[in-house]
Protein backbone atom coordinates (compact mmCIF):
# COMPACT_ATOMS: atom_id res chain seq x y z
CA MET A 1 59.37 45.60 25.99
CA LYS A 2 58.74 46.48 29.41
CA THR A 3 62.30 44.33 30.52
CA GLN A 4 63.88 44.48 27.20
CA ARG A 5 66.53 47.02 28.60
CA ALA A 6 66.69 44.94 31.81
CA ALA A 7 67.56 41.79 29.34
CA SER A 8 69.74 43.09 27.29
CA LYS A 9 72.03 44.92 29.91
CA ALA A 10 72.52 41.61 31.49
CA ALA A 11 73.56 40.24 28.27
CA THR A 12 75.84 42.57 27.49
CA VAL A 13 77.41 42.19 31.00
CA LYS A 14 77.18 38.56 30.35
CA LYS A 15 78.84 38.92 26.77
CA ARG A 16 81.83 41.49 28.11
CA ASN A 17 82.23 39.99 30.79
CA ASN A 18 82.91 36.53 28.60
CA ASN A 19 84.74 39.00 26.16
CA LYS A 20 87.34 39.92 28.67
CA SER A 21 87.98 36.46 29.44
CA LYS A 22 88.80 35.07 26.19
CA ALA A 23 90.74 38.51 24.73
CA GLY A 24 92.34 38.76 28.09
CA ALA A 25 93.98 35.75 27.22
CA ALA A 26 96.15 36.86 24.54
CA TYR A 27 97.10 39.87 25.85
CA LYS A 28 97.75 39.10 29.85
CA VAL A 29 100.12 36.22 29.04
CA ASP A 30 102.85 39.16 28.40
CA THR A 31 101.92 40.42 31.59
CA PHE A 32 103.02 37.00 33.85
CA LYS A 33 106.74 36.36 33.42
CA VAL A 34 107.24 33.88 30.41
CA PRO A 35 110.79 32.12 29.27
CA GLU A 36 112.70 33.48 26.52
CA ASN A 37 111.82 29.98 25.11
CA PRO A 38 108.74 28.63 26.62
CA THR A 39 107.52 25.72 27.08
CA LEU A 40 103.66 24.45 26.33
CA ASP A 41 103.93 24.39 30.50
CA ASP A 42 104.92 27.52 31.16
CA ILE A 43 102.60 29.25 28.60
CA LYS A 44 100.09 27.04 30.42
CA HIS A 45 101.04 28.50 33.27
CA ALA A 46 100.64 31.84 32.41
CA VAL A 47 97.23 31.84 30.54
CA GLY A 48 95.93 30.22 33.94
CA LEU A 49 97.56 32.64 35.90
CA GLN A 50 96.05 35.58 33.76
CA GLU A 51 92.62 33.57 34.32
CA LEU A 52 92.47 33.11 37.66
CA ASP A 53 93.59 36.80 38.36
CA ALA A 54 90.60 38.04 36.63
CA ARG A 55 87.92 36.11 38.47
CA VAL A 56 89.87 37.11 41.42
CA LYS A 57 88.89 40.55 40.07
CA ASP A 58 86.46 39.99 39.45
CA ALA A 59 84.62 38.70 42.51
CA LYS A 60 86.71 42.00 44.45
CA GLU A 61 84.96 44.61 42.14
CA SER A 62 81.63 44.68 40.84
CA CYS A 63 81.51 43.96 36.98
CA TRP A 64 78.19 46.18 37.25
CA GLU A 65 78.85 49.71 35.26
CA THR A 66 77.93 51.48 38.51
CA GLU A 67 78.04 51.37 42.15
CA SER A 68 74.55 52.28 43.89
CA LEU A 69 71.93 51.37 46.33
CA LEU A 70 70.90 49.07 43.72
CA GLU A 71 74.09 47.17 44.65
CA ASP A 72 73.09 47.50 48.38
CA ALA A 73 70.27 45.38 47.65
CA LEU A 74 71.95 42.13 46.61
CA ALA A 75 71.68 40.78 50.15
CA GLU A 76 71.24 36.73 49.98
CA LEU A 77 67.95 35.13 50.60
CA GLY A 78 69.19 31.51 50.12
CA ASP A 79 66.63 28.79 49.34
CA ALA A 80 65.66 28.22 53.33
CA LYS A 81 64.19 31.81 53.42
CA LEU A 82 61.94 31.49 50.48
CA SER A 83 58.45 30.85 51.35
CA SER A 84 55.38 29.49 49.50
CA ASP A 85 53.28 31.08 51.80
CA ASP A 86 54.21 34.49 50.86
CA PRO A 87 52.79 36.00 47.06
CA ASP A 88 55.34 38.07 46.31
CA THR A 89 58.43 34.80 47.05
CA CYS A 90 58.89 31.90 45.05
CA SER A 91 59.38 28.65 46.51
CA PRO A 92 62.39 26.98 46.69
CA ASP A 93 61.50 24.62 44.03
CA GLU A 94 59.76 27.30 41.44
CA ALA A 95 62.99 29.15 42.25
CA MET A 96 64.92 26.07 41.22
CA VAL A 97 63.07 25.81 38.24
CA LEU A 98 63.54 29.21 37.11
CA ARG A 99 67.10 29.81 37.64
CA HIS A 100 67.42 26.79 35.35
CA GLN A 101 64.69 27.96 32.46
CA LEU A 102 66.98 31.41 33.00
CA ARG A 103 70.03 29.48 31.41
CA ALA A 104 68.05 27.64 28.83
CA LEU A 105 66.56 29.92 26.99
CA GLY A 106 68.83 33.29 27.76
CA PRO A 107 67.91 36.39 29.55
CA ALA A 108 65.84 37.98 27.05
CA GLU A 109 63.32 35.36 26.34
CA PHE A 110 63.18 34.22 30.08
CA CYS A 111 61.96 38.19 30.71
CA ARG A 112 59.66 37.69 27.98
CA ARG A 113 58.16 34.29 29.23
CA THR A 114 57.93 35.46 33.00
CA VAL A 115 57.47 39.36 33.72
CA ASP A 116 56.29 40.43 29.77
CA ALA A 117 54.03 37.68 30.23
CA GLY A 118 52.12 38.66 33.34
CA SER A 119 52.68 35.46 35.56
CA TYR A 120 55.79 36.92 36.92
CA THR A 121 56.68 40.27 38.93
CA ALA A 122 59.75 41.98 38.80
CA LYS A 123 59.84 41.91 42.57
CA LYS A 124 58.75 38.39 42.81
CA LEU A 125 61.15 37.05 40.30
CA LEU A 126 64.56 38.65 42.40
CA SER A 127 63.58 36.01 45.21
CA ALA A 128 64.21 33.04 42.52
CA PHE A 129 67.93 34.77 42.85
CA GLY A 130 68.03 35.12 46.39
CA ILE A 131 67.59 38.58 46.28
CA LYS A 132 65.93 40.86 48.93
CA PRO A 133 63.74 43.86 47.57
CA PRO A 134 65.09 46.75 49.49
CA ASN A 135 62.78 48.63 51.10
CA PHE A 136 63.30 51.97 49.64
CA LEU A 137 61.58 50.53 46.66
CA GLU A 138 58.27 48.97 48.76
CA GLY A 139 54.98 50.26 47.11
CA ALA A 140 56.68 51.27 44.00
CA GLU A 141 55.62 50.25 40.78
CA ASP A 142 57.05 46.81 39.43
CA GLU A 143 59.33 48.74 36.78
CA ALA A 144 60.99 50.02 39.96
CA TYR A 145 62.70 46.61 39.79
CA PHE A 146 63.99 46.21 36.93
CA SER A 147 67.26 47.39 37.27
CA ILE A 148 67.75 45.00 40.40
CA LEU A 149 66.51 42.37 38.20
CA SER A 150 68.92 42.78 35.85
CA LEU A 151 72.21 42.62 38.11
CA ALA A 152 70.55 39.33 39.57
CA ILE A 153 70.32 37.88 36.06
CA SER A 154 73.43 39.06 35.59
CA ARG A 155 75.11 37.54 38.24
CA GLU A 156 73.36 34.36 37.60
CA LEU A 157 74.58 33.94 34.27
CA SER A 158 78.24 34.29 35.86
CA LYS A 159 77.86 31.13 38.48
CA ARG A 160 78.51 28.14 37.42
CA ALA A 161 75.86 25.93 36.03
CA LYS A 162 74.75 22.74 38.32
CA LEU A 163 75.10 19.31 36.71
CA TRP A 164 71.23 18.41 37.30
CA ARG A 165 72.15 14.84 36.16
CA PHE A 166 73.50 14.54 39.84
CA ASN A 167 71.29 14.94 42.94
CA THR A 168 71.40 12.40 45.41
CA VAL A 169 73.20 10.77 48.34
CA ASP A 170 73.58 7.55 45.99
CA ASP A 171 75.28 9.91 43.29
CA ALA A 172 77.55 11.33 45.40
CA VAL A 173 78.88 7.54 47.25
CA GLU A 174 78.88 6.33 43.16
CA LEU A 175 81.03 9.98 42.58
CA LEU A 176 83.54 8.75 45.35
CA ASN A 177 83.71 5.08 43.78
CA LYS A 178 84.24 5.66 40.44
CA SER A 179 86.64 9.06 40.34
CA GLN A 180 90.45 9.01 40.56
CA ASN A 181 91.66 12.44 40.80
CA ILE A 182 89.64 14.18 43.58
CA ILE A 183 90.49 17.85 45.13
CA VAL A 184 89.24 18.31 48.11
CA LEU A 185 89.07 22.06 49.01
CA THR A 186 88.87 22.69 53.45
CA GLY A 187 87.90 25.40 55.37
CA ALA A 188 87.76 25.33 59.18
CA GLY A 189 84.59 23.66 59.53
CA ILE A 190 86.57 20.50 59.51
CA SER A 191 88.58 21.37 62.41
CA THR A 192 85.52 22.75 64.89
CA SER A 193 84.88 19.42 66.37
CA LEU A 194 88.31 19.77 67.80
CA GLY A 195 87.31 22.82 69.83
CA ILE A 196 89.21 24.95 66.99
CA PRO A 197 86.89 27.88 66.60
CA ASP A 198 85.97 28.60 62.67
CA PHE A 199 86.11 32.68 61.66
CA ARG A 200 82.45 33.22 60.22
CA SER A 201 79.46 31.11 61.94
CA LYS A 202 77.51 32.51 64.71
CA GLY A 203 79.86 32.49 67.61
CA GLY A 204 83.18 32.24 65.47
CA LEU A 205 85.80 33.83 66.03
CA TYR A 206 85.50 37.18 64.59
CA SER A 207 82.26 37.29 66.30
CA GLN A 208 84.19 36.92 69.48
CA LEU A 209 86.42 39.45 68.55
CA GLU A 210 84.24 42.60 68.50
CA HIS A 211 85.23 44.06 71.60
CA LEU A 212 88.70 44.79 70.28
CA GLY A 213 87.06 47.69 68.83
CA LEU A 214 88.60 46.94 65.41
CA ASN A 215 87.20 48.64 62.00
CA ASP A 216 86.75 45.21 60.83
CA PRO A 217 87.94 41.82 63.30
CA GLN A 218 89.60 40.43 60.39
CA GLU A 219 92.46 43.27 60.88
CA VAL A 220 93.41 40.50 63.61
CA PHE A 221 95.26 38.76 60.44
CA ASP A 222 95.49 42.35 58.64
CA ILE A 223 100.18 42.23 57.73
CA SER A 224 99.82 45.48 57.81
CA VAL A 225 98.22 46.39 61.07
CA PHE A 226 101.00 43.23 62.23
CA LYS A 227 103.49 45.36 61.18
CA GLN A 228 102.39 48.03 62.98
CA ASP A 229 101.23 46.72 66.39
CA PRO A 230 101.73 42.56 66.67
CA THR A 231 100.30 42.68 70.30
CA ILE A 232 96.71 42.77 68.45
CA PHE A 233 97.69 39.29 67.31
CA TYR A 234 99.23 37.93 69.52
CA THR A 235 96.47 38.74 72.09
CA VAL A 236 94.06 36.08 69.99
CA ALA A 237 96.80 33.59 68.79
CA LYS A 238 96.76 31.27 71.64
CA ASP A 239 92.80 31.04 71.23
CA ILE A 240 93.62 29.68 67.42
CA LEU A 241 97.01 27.40 68.33
CA PRO A 242 96.81 24.32 67.78
CA SER A 243 97.27 22.56 70.78
CA THR A 244 96.76 18.54 69.50
CA ASN A 245 98.05 16.09 67.83
CA ARG A 246 94.30 14.70 67.17
CA PHE A 247 92.64 14.88 63.64
CA THR A 248 88.78 14.98 62.92
CA PRO A 249 87.17 12.08 60.91
CA THR A 250 87.25 14.27 57.97
CA HIS A 251 90.77 14.39 58.52
CA ALA A 252 90.63 10.88 58.29
CA PHE A 253 88.54 10.63 55.28
CA ILE A 254 91.01 12.64 53.11
CA SER A 255 93.85 10.09 54.12
CA MET A 256 91.86 7.71 53.17
CA LEU A 257 91.14 8.84 50.02
CA GLN A 258 94.82 9.55 49.68
CA LYS A 259 95.85 5.71 50.64
CA LYS A 260 93.34 5.05 47.95
CA GLY A 261 95.37 6.86 45.34
CA LYS A 262 91.77 8.58 44.78
CA LEU A 263 93.69 12.55 45.86
CA LEU A 264 94.61 14.87 43.66
CA THR A 265 95.43 18.03 45.80
CA ASN A 266 93.97 19.32 48.92
CA TYR A 267 93.39 22.68 49.37
CA THR A 268 93.08 24.08 52.53
CA GLN A 269 92.71 27.33 54.20
CA ASN A 270 93.24 25.54 57.57
CA ILE A 271 96.75 27.10 59.41
CA ASP A 272 96.75 24.34 62.07
CA ASN A 273 98.38 21.90 59.91
CA LEU A 274 96.11 18.89 61.08
CA GLU A 275 96.18 17.49 57.78
CA ALA A 276 99.84 16.94 57.97
CA LYS A 277 99.03 14.80 61.62
CA ALA A 278 96.42 13.02 59.38
CA GLY A 279 99.04 11.40 56.80
CA ILE A 280 98.37 13.37 54.07
CA SER A 281 101.43 13.88 51.89
CA ALA A 282 102.87 17.34 51.60
CA ASP A 283 103.01 17.01 47.62
CA LYS A 284 99.41 16.12 47.80
CA MET A 285 98.37 19.29 49.72
CA VAL A 286 98.56 22.93 49.42
CA GLN A 287 98.28 24.75 52.85
CA CYS A 288 96.70 28.40 50.78
CA HIS A 289 96.57 30.17 53.81
CA GLY A 290 100.25 28.80 54.97
CA SER A 291 100.16 27.10 58.91
CA PHE A 292 101.93 27.50 62.47
CA ALA A 293 103.91 24.87 61.21
CA THR A 294 106.98 27.70 61.17
CA ALA A 295 107.63 30.89 61.88
CA THR A 296 109.68 33.68 60.30
CA CYS A 297 111.35 36.88 61.70
CA VAL A 298 109.74 39.72 59.94
CA GLN A 299 112.82 41.55 60.39
CA CYS A 300 116.12 39.47 59.57
CA GLY A 301 114.15 36.90 57.82
CA PHE A 302 115.35 33.76 60.13
CA LYS A 303 113.43 30.61 60.35
CA CYS A 304 112.58 28.17 62.79
CA VAL A 305 109.84 25.83 63.68
CA GLY A 306 106.74 26.41 65.03
CA ASP A 307 106.94 24.73 67.87
CA ASP A 308 109.95 26.87 69.03
CA ILE A 309 107.21 30.25 69.18
CA PHE A 310 104.46 28.14 70.53
CA PRO A 311 105.50 28.77 74.43
CA ASP A 312 106.08 32.66 74.18
CA ILE A 313 102.40 32.29 71.92
CA LYS A 314 100.53 30.41 75.09
CA ALA A 315 102.31 33.00 77.47
CA GLY A 316 100.54 35.59 75.87
CA LYS A 317 103.80 36.97 74.71
CA ILE A 318 105.10 38.45 71.36
CA PRO A 319 108.05 35.85 70.29
CA ARG A 320 111.22 37.68 69.47
CA CYS A 321 113.88 36.36 66.78
CA PRO A 322 116.55 34.85 68.69
CA ARG A 323 119.53 35.30 66.20
CA CYS A 324 118.48 39.00 66.61
CA VAL A 325 118.74 38.40 70.03
CA GLN A 326 122.20 37.07 69.71
CA ASN A 327 123.71 39.88 67.32
CA LEU A 328 122.12 42.40 69.83
CA ARG A 329 124.34 40.92 72.86
CA PRO A 330 127.76 41.63 71.72
CA ASN A 331 126.82 45.24 70.48
CA GLY A 332 126.55 46.58 73.95
CA SER A 333 125.41 49.94 72.85
CA THR A 334 122.08 51.40 73.92
CA LYS A 335 120.84 53.50 71.01
CA ARG A 336 121.75 53.07 67.28
CA LYS A 337 120.76 55.57 64.59
CA ARG A 338 117.68 54.31 62.55
CA SER A 339 117.46 53.19 59.17
CA ALA A 340 116.25 55.55 56.35
CA GLY A 341 112.65 54.78 55.37
CA THR A 342 112.33 52.72 58.26
CA GLU A 343 108.62 53.44 60.53
CA ARG A 344 109.76 54.87 64.06
CA LYS A 345 108.72 52.37 66.94
CA ARG A 346 106.24 53.93 69.71
CA ARG A 347 107.90 55.42 72.38
CA ARG A 348 106.28 54.52 76.31
CA PHE A 349 108.40 56.80 77.87
CA SER A 350 107.90 60.31 78.87
CA SER A 351 107.15 63.15 76.54
CA ASP A 352 110.06 65.36 77.88
CA ASP A 353 112.71 62.74 76.74
CA SER A 354 115.46 64.40 75.11
CA THR A 355 114.27 65.83 71.25
CA THR A 356 117.49 65.01 70.13
CA ASP A 357 116.44 61.18 70.73
CA ASP A 358 113.76 61.56 67.74
CA GLU A 359 116.19 60.41 65.44
CA TYR A 360 116.95 57.19 67.58
CA ASP A 361 115.20 53.78 68.60
CA ILE A 362 115.92 51.54 71.08
CA PRO A 363 117.41 48.38 69.09
CA SER A 364 115.13 45.37 69.98
CA ALA A 365 114.79 42.05 68.49
CA GLY A 366 112.40 41.14 65.25
CA VAL A 367 108.78 40.21 65.73
CA MET A 368 108.26 36.30 64.59
CA LYS A 369 105.64 35.72 62.59
CA PRO A 370 103.83 32.05 62.18
CA ASP A 371 104.29 31.30 58.37
CA ILE A 372 100.33 32.09 58.14
CA THR A 373 99.22 34.31 54.87
CA PHE A 374 97.90 37.62 56.28
CA PHE A 375 95.12 39.52 54.10
CA GLY A 376 97.61 41.85 52.20
CA GLU A 377 99.92 38.78 51.87
CA ALA A 378 100.69 36.95 48.95
CA LEU A 379 99.48 33.24 48.67
CA PRO A 380 102.05 30.70 48.18
CA ASP A 381 103.20 30.46 44.65
CA GLU A 382 102.12 26.27 44.93
CA PHE A 383 98.75 27.29 44.69
CA SER A 384 98.21 28.61 41.61
CA ARG A 385 100.94 26.86 39.99
CA ARG A 386 99.47 23.69 40.86
CA LEU A 387 95.69 24.51 40.04
CA THR A 388 97.31 25.62 36.74
CA GLU A 389 99.84 23.14 35.48
CA HIS A 390 98.68 20.12 37.51
CA ASP A 391 95.11 19.65 38.67
CA ARG A 392 92.66 22.00 35.92
CA ASP A 393 93.22 18.99 33.13
CA LYS A 394 93.17 15.97 35.52
CA VAL A 395 90.02 16.23 38.10
CA ASP A 396 87.38 14.35 38.11
CA LEU A 397 85.65 15.61 41.33
CA VAL A 398 85.72 18.58 43.47
CA ILE A 399 85.01 17.81 47.48
CA VAL A 400 83.92 21.00 49.18
CA ILE A 401 84.05 20.65 53.05
CA GLY A 402 83.62 22.68 56.21
CA THR A 403 84.05 26.68 54.69
CA SER A 404 81.78 29.07 53.62
CA LEU A 405 83.81 30.15 50.50
CA LYS A 406 84.04 33.75 51.08
CA VAL A 407 87.30 34.51 50.92
CA THR A 408 89.90 35.30 47.32
CA PRO A 409 91.50 33.46 45.21
CA VAL A 410 90.75 30.08 47.37
CA SER A 411 86.66 30.83 46.77
CA GLU A 412 87.09 31.06 43.08
CA ILE A 413 88.60 27.88 42.46
CA VAL A 414 85.08 25.99 41.97
CA SER A 415 84.06 28.66 39.42
CA TRP A 416 87.63 28.52 37.70
CA LEU A 417 87.38 24.52 37.44
CA PRO A 418 85.50 23.17 34.03
CA GLY A 419 81.98 23.21 34.23
CA ASN A 420 81.50 19.62 33.47
CA ILE A 421 83.18 18.25 36.32
CA PRO A 422 80.89 17.57 39.34
CA GLN A 423 81.17 19.35 42.35
CA ILE A 424 80.07 18.15 45.68
CA TYR A 425 79.73 20.77 48.75
CA ILE A 426 79.36 19.36 52.78
CA SER A 427 78.93 22.22 55.59
CA ARG A 428 76.43 22.62 58.29
CA GLN A 429 74.91 25.49 55.93
CA ALA A 430 74.41 25.67 52.18
CA VAL A 431 75.78 28.49 50.47
CA SER A 432 74.09 30.57 47.63
CA HIS A 433 76.49 32.62 45.81
CA ILE A 434 77.79 29.03 44.02
CA ASN A 435 75.71 26.18 42.43
CA PHE A 436 77.05 22.80 43.67
CA ASP A 437 75.88 19.72 41.97
CA ILE A 438 75.08 17.75 45.67
CA ASP A 439 74.58 19.57 48.98
CA LEU A 440 75.35 17.54 51.67
CA LEU A 441 74.27 19.07 55.26
CA GLY A 442 75.13 18.11 58.37
CA ASP A 443 78.10 18.53 60.81
CA CYS A 444 81.33 17.26 58.79
CA ASP A 445 82.08 14.25 60.64
CA VAL A 446 78.71 13.26 60.65
CA VAL A 447 78.30 13.22 56.59
CA VAL A 448 81.66 11.76 55.69
CA SER A 449 81.34 8.83 58.06
CA GLU A 450 78.07 8.16 56.80
CA LEU A 451 79.42 8.32 52.65
CA CYS A 452 82.31 6.01 53.50
CA ARG A 453 79.63 3.51 55.53
CA ARG A 454 77.71 3.74 52.19
CA ALA A 455 80.98 3.35 49.70
CA GLY A 456 81.87 0.36 51.75
CA TRP A 457 85.28 1.99 53.17
CA PRO A 458 85.33 1.56 57.20
CA LEU A 459 85.89 4.60 58.71
CA GLN A 460 87.32 3.64 61.63
CA HIS A 461 88.16 6.83 63.92
CA GLU A 462 87.74 6.97 67.85
CA MET A 463 85.24 10.09 67.27
CA VAL A 464 82.94 7.89 65.57
CA PRO A 465 80.96 5.33 67.57
CA GLU A 466 80.58 1.49 65.76
CA ASP A 467 77.19 1.94 66.72
CA GLN A 468 76.44 5.27 64.96
CA VAL A 469 73.17 5.29 62.69
CA VAL A 470 72.46 8.88 60.44
CA ASP A 471 69.28 9.84 59.52
CA VAL A 472 69.44 11.70 55.98
CA ARG A 473 66.49 13.74 54.69
CA PRO A 474 65.90 16.07 51.82
CA GLU A 475 66.03 19.49 52.67
CA GLY A 476 62.41 20.95 51.86
CA SER A 477 61.66 19.69 48.50
CA CYS A 478 65.07 20.05 47.07
CA VAL A 479 66.19 17.03 44.78
CA SER A 480 69.97 18.16 45.62
CA ARG A 481 70.22 18.91 49.25
CA HIS A 482 70.52 16.64 51.87
CA VAL A 483 70.20 16.92 56.09
CA PHE A 484 72.17 14.31 57.77
CA GLU A 485 71.91 14.02 61.51
CA VAL A 486 72.70 11.15 63.76
CA VAL A 487 69.89 9.28 65.53
CA ARG A 488 71.89 6.99 67.32
CA PRO A 489 73.48 6.90 69.87
CA GLY A 490 71.41 9.67 70.37
CA THR A 491 73.73 12.32 70.52
CA SER A 492 76.43 13.73 67.92
CA SER A 493 78.44 11.15 66.83
CA VAL A 494 81.45 13.43 68.01
CA LYS A 495 83.09 14.50 71.11
CA GLN A 496 82.29 18.06 71.22
CA GLU A 497 85.72 19.00 72.88
CA GLN A 498 84.15 22.85 71.43
CA GLN A 499 81.48 22.85 74.39
CA SER A 500 84.53 22.16 77.07
CA PRO A 501 84.45 25.47 79.16
CA LYS A 502 88.58 25.17 78.35
CA ASN A 503 87.69 26.09 74.59
CA GLN A 504 84.95 28.01 73.39
CA ASP A 505 81.52 28.06 75.58
CA GLN A 506 83.76 29.87 77.66
CA PHE A 507 85.58 31.11 75.59
CA VAL A 508 87.67 33.93 78.20
CA LYS A 509 88.28 37.00 75.73
CA PRO A 510 91.64 38.91 75.61
CA THR A 511 92.59 42.06 77.50
CA LYS A 512 92.18 45.05 74.76
CA PRO A 513 95.71 45.77 73.17
CA ALA A 514 96.97 49.21 72.39
CA ARG A 515 95.64 50.51 69.05
CA PRO A 516 97.66 51.55 66.16
CA THR A 517 99.05 55.01 65.91
CA LYS A 518 98.04 54.96 62.14
CA SER A 519 94.12 55.06 61.86
CA MET A 520 92.71 51.86 59.86
CA LYS A 521 90.41 52.41 57.62
CA PRO A 522 87.36 50.32 57.22
CA ARG A 523 87.61 47.38 55.16
CA LYS A 524 85.14 44.99 53.26
CA SER A 525 84.62 41.47 54.78
CA THR A 526 85.84 39.00 51.95
């Protein structure tokens, strides 16, 4: 059969991944430290960690056998870009049915009923899985697309399967009412209505940092770059520094879940600490990427509350460690021998300075770093421990709000949780790399306030007008995607502080900082 080899490859990849996950559990337990006389919780924690670790590695490294131009073709189309007018593209409804058939029939039978039967070309079938056919294959025979199709099938089978009994807004409201152990996973989108920029959207922080000339805007949050030259981070830190005690209706919604005894855990990727200001207790929250609430000296380990370094950050200065400063004062010396193994600081004086000075550094106080998790740093231990030991066996509903889920390992949570647990996604745009059961699209504050109204939970918040009316309509013909839009009072229900010149629209580009002396290699965006 024409596609038998492609289908077999997809099935083999899936089987290999499943075997790796199962066999890895017995092997990897020894890799993670287990006490001499482990309890059941210790064993569950070790096994859970290895499974989560395996998912993260699979997300970072392709599970396919080779890297080639074929993998470059795996560009997301998304259902919104599918068109029934294009004969080489599946419609959104058609794509959804085909994805469902793949899981029900298996890859070999699926290929027999589609490509081998002549009802679909391999090129058209790619669009059902969000794959844009590469330009270099344009005009080629259909068999040229088989290898890409096998990759698309294996990738689709590795995703979480949608639960087809949950589709409507009423289904979402019913889930809210009956669920008692809800995991809420949040991202920067829940804070943008306060003028705090997100990272990856058009006009977000990363797009505003392109002028810095970095290989990747994410280098601003790279720990190796920070250690080389903290000025890069502190040039932009003032623009993401939380400068308000207010919180959004979405924060209030999560706090309401807590008050109703329904919140299992809020896993937040945000560093603004607004969850705490909304009243979400520390024992119900995991700050996956840390926060500005505290800061630590990178030299001596001294800790302080974040407020202590805020004045320097707002002034665009590098905050120095007060303990280091105090220790330097009684010394009286102007030079000291550099410790072995430490990197020499960059010199700012004339090159004709005495060559004997090469062995010395100017004594300086350590740099205070906010306790946010940079790229290259491990997530807090509480993240994996709570997820594996506490939440996985208790959760009965997952709600993801305001995040594109592109940063591991947080992005792996939804796929790692049991597949029978319903999942709701709330954001401006749907994502196509994860199959959620219900997508509620629109401003996060608008969506949650409407859900609360329908659930009979009055969400009283200054940013939600009492006379607010929200129109809800399906996105195209997709039964599980719904668009929320305010129709009264005429404009968005949210006071759009992000439109203030002070906050976002007239974002003042920071001065280009000195570049690190060490060349940085380009990094792929996560």
